[in-house]
Protein backbone atom coordinates (compact mmCIF):
# COMPACT_ATOMS: atom_id res chain seq x y z
CA UNK A 1 53.41 101.99 -68.08
CA UNK A 2 52.74 105.71 -68.38
CA UNK A 3 49.34 107.30 -68.81
CA UNK A 4 48.44 108.63 -72.23
CA UNK A 5 46.33 111.62 -73.23
CA UNK A 6 44.75 111.72 -76.67
CA UNK A 7 43.86 114.53 -78.99
CA UNK A 8 40.65 114.15 -80.95
CA UNK A 9 42.29 113.22 -84.26
CA UNK A 10 44.04 110.09 -83.01
CA UNK A 11 40.96 108.78 -81.20
CA UNK A 12 38.78 109.68 -84.19
CA UNK A 13 41.05 107.69 -86.51
CA UNK A 14 40.53 104.60 -84.38
CA UNK A 15 36.80 105.17 -83.85
CA UNK A 16 36.07 105.87 -87.53
CA UNK A 17 38.02 102.78 -88.61
CA UNK A 18 36.15 100.60 -86.10
CA UNK A 19 39.36 99.82 -84.21
CA UNK A 20 38.98 101.68 -80.91
CA UNK A 21 39.40 98.28 -79.24
CA UNK A 22 43.14 98.57 -80.01
CA UNK A 23 43.34 101.67 -77.82
CA UNK A 24 41.42 99.84 -75.11
CA UNK A 25 43.71 96.80 -75.24
CA UNK A 26 46.89 98.88 -75.20
CA UNK A 27 45.90 101.62 -72.77
CA UNK A 28 42.77 100.64 -70.77
CA UNK A 29 42.52 102.59 -67.52
CA UNK A 30 45.57 104.68 -68.51
CA UNK A 31 43.80 106.65 -71.28
CA UNK A 32 42.64 110.22 -70.93
CA UNK A 33 41.12 113.07 -72.91
CA UNK A 34 40.43 116.61 -71.80
CA UNK A 35 36.98 118.14 -71.67
CA UNK A 36 38.03 120.29 -74.66
CA UNK A 37 38.78 117.16 -76.70
CA UNK A 38 35.43 115.73 -75.64
CA UNK A 39 33.73 118.89 -76.90
CA UNK A 40 35.45 118.42 -80.29
CA UNK A 41 34.24 114.83 -80.31
CA UNK A 42 30.66 115.89 -79.63
CA UNK A 43 30.85 118.39 -82.50
CA UNK A 44 31.91 115.53 -84.78
CA UNK A 45 29.00 113.39 -83.63
CA UNK A 46 26.59 116.27 -84.26
CA UNK A 47 28.03 116.66 -87.77
CA UNK A 48 26.97 113.10 -88.50
CA UNK A 49 30.03 111.03 -87.63
CA UNK A 50 28.07 108.55 -85.52
CA UNK A 51 31.06 106.23 -85.10
CA UNK A 52 32.59 108.88 -82.82
CA UNK A 53 29.96 108.07 -80.22
CA UNK A 54 32.16 105.07 -79.38
CA UNK A 55 34.49 107.54 -77.65
CA UNK A 56 31.63 108.73 -75.43
CA UNK A 57 30.83 105.08 -74.75
CA UNK A 58 34.46 104.41 -73.74
CA UNK A 59 34.19 107.20 -71.16
CA UNK A 60 30.89 105.83 -69.93
CA UNK A 61 32.49 102.36 -69.61
CA UNK A 62 35.38 103.86 -67.65
CA UNK A 63 38.43 102.68 -69.55
CA UNK A 64 38.87 106.16 -71.10
CA UNK A 65 38.72 109.03 -68.63
CA UNK A 66 37.83 112.68 -69.19
CA UNK A 67 39.89 115.21 -67.23
CA UNK A 68 39.86 118.97 -66.78
CA UNK A 69 42.66 121.43 -66.28
CA UNK A 70 43.12 121.58 -62.52
CA UNK A 71 46.24 123.41 -61.46
CA UNK A 72 47.35 126.97 -62.07
CA UNK A 73 50.32 125.48 -63.93
CA UNK A 74 48.06 123.56 -66.33
CA UNK A 75 45.76 126.53 -66.89
CA UNK A 76 48.61 128.97 -67.50
CA UNK A 77 50.37 126.58 -69.85
CA UNK A 78 47.09 125.99 -71.72
CA UNK A 79 46.53 129.74 -72.12
CA UNK A 80 49.95 130.19 -73.68
CA UNK A 81 49.55 127.25 -76.05
CA UNK A 82 46.00 128.17 -77.09
CA UNK A 83 47.32 131.26 -78.87
CA UNK A 84 48.75 129.04 -81.61
CA UNK A 85 46.95 125.69 -81.16
CA UNK A 86 43.38 124.50 -80.87
CA UNK A 87 41.93 124.08 -77.40
CA UNK A 88 42.01 120.27 -77.67
CA UNK A 89 45.71 120.11 -78.47
CA UNK A 90 46.63 122.93 -76.07
CA UNK A 91 44.76 121.38 -73.14
CA UNK A 92 46.20 117.93 -73.87
CA UNK A 93 49.77 119.21 -73.98
CA UNK A 94 49.22 121.15 -70.74
CA UNK A 95 47.97 118.01 -68.99
CA UNK A 96 50.71 115.84 -70.50
CA UNK A 97 53.41 118.27 -69.38
CA UNK A 98 52.09 118.75 -65.86
CA UNK A 99 51.22 115.09 -65.20
CA UNK A 100 54.04 113.41 -67.19
CA UNK A 101 51.61 111.74 -69.62
CA UNK A 102 52.44 110.66 -73.16
CA UNK A 103 50.64 112.84 -75.72
CA UNK A 104 48.98 111.01 -78.63
CA UNK A 105 48.71 113.45 -81.51
CA UNK A 106 49.17 113.57 -85.27
CA UNK A 107 49.05 117.35 -85.72
CA UNK A 108 52.46 118.61 -86.83
CA UNK A 109 52.24 122.00 -85.07
CA UNK A 110 51.02 120.47 -81.81
CA UNK A 111 53.73 117.80 -81.91
CA UNK A 112 56.37 120.48 -82.47
CA UNK A 113 55.13 122.45 -79.44
CA UNK A 114 55.02 119.29 -77.32
CA UNK A 115 58.63 118.45 -78.21
CA UNK A 116 59.74 121.97 -77.25
CA UNK A 117 58.38 121.35 -73.75
CA UNK A 118 59.77 117.83 -73.36
CA UNK A 119 56.43 116.03 -73.69
CA UNK A 120 56.70 112.45 -74.89
CA UNK A 121 54.74 111.67 -78.06
CA UNK A 122 53.05 108.98 -80.03
CA UNK A 123 50.54 109.09 -82.84
CA UNK A 124 48.20 106.95 -84.88
CA UNK A 125 50.97 105.14 -86.77
CA UNK A 126 53.02 104.63 -83.61
CA UNK A 127 50.03 103.09 -81.87
CA UNK A 128 49.41 100.74 -84.80
CA UNK A 129 53.07 99.69 -84.72
CA UNK A 130 52.88 99.13 -80.96
CA UNK A 131 49.76 96.97 -81.45
CA UNK A 132 51.66 94.82 -83.95
CA UNK A 133 54.69 94.51 -81.68
CA UNK A 134 52.46 93.54 -78.74
CA UNK A 135 50.73 90.99 -81.00
CA UNK A 136 47.32 92.58 -80.56
CA UNK A 137 47.01 92.66 -84.35
CA UNK A 138 49.22 91.41 -87.15
CA UNK A 139 50.83 93.60 -89.78
CA UNK A 140 48.17 92.82 -92.39
CA UNK A 141 45.40 93.87 -90.00
CA UNK A 142 47.35 97.03 -89.12
CA UNK A 143 47.58 97.90 -92.81
CA UNK A 144 43.88 97.19 -93.30
CA UNK A 145 43.06 99.53 -90.40
CA UNK A 146 45.49 102.19 -91.68
CA UNK A 147 43.81 102.11 -95.10
CA UNK A 148 40.35 102.49 -93.50
CA UNK A 149 41.70 105.48 -91.58
CA UNK A 150 43.03 107.03 -94.79
CA UNK A 151 39.65 106.49 -96.49
CA UNK A 152 38.06 108.39 -93.57
CA UNK A 153 40.44 111.34 -94.04
CA UNK A 154 43.60 110.53 -92.06
CA UNK A 155 46.61 112.19 -93.72
CA UNK A 156 49.01 109.39 -92.92
CA UNK A 157 52.76 109.98 -93.21
CA UNK A 158 53.10 106.37 -94.41
CA UNK A 159 51.15 104.14 -96.78
CA UNK A 160 51.75 100.93 -94.84
CA UNK A 161 52.93 99.53 -91.54
CA UNK A 162 56.15 97.86 -92.63
CA UNK A 163 57.49 96.15 -89.52
CA UNK A 164 57.71 92.65 -88.20
CA UNK A 165 56.45 91.87 -84.72
């Protein structure tokens, strides 16, 4: 299975809804964030969103890994993307493109850019659907989690997860 790199929004949705364990079960040891995304996460923690500290804990525990832009290709690609996107999204797309990772993002502009460069995508809803299909959670639990995410500010494109495993 391919590695996956997350933007802050997707991970925050799972952390704030107390369901980060779904990410761990689906993607343990294949999950990454950039240092820019980690900086966004720390800002959220400092603003009082204590649940986001679970993301720092996941890095400490080793199943989620923090990466930096390494190659000239990644850095150049990041620079071009950062003109129109936030540093978290731009760095994640640069890593996803260069390393053939899946990009987990809900931001419409970032997803559009990723598609232009052939980066594979998923998002919060896609991950919930995958968790149902893999029988990690059932549809009712997925809907309960989705509603908790919406309460915490997720602008979901759907009101329910309407699939059968």
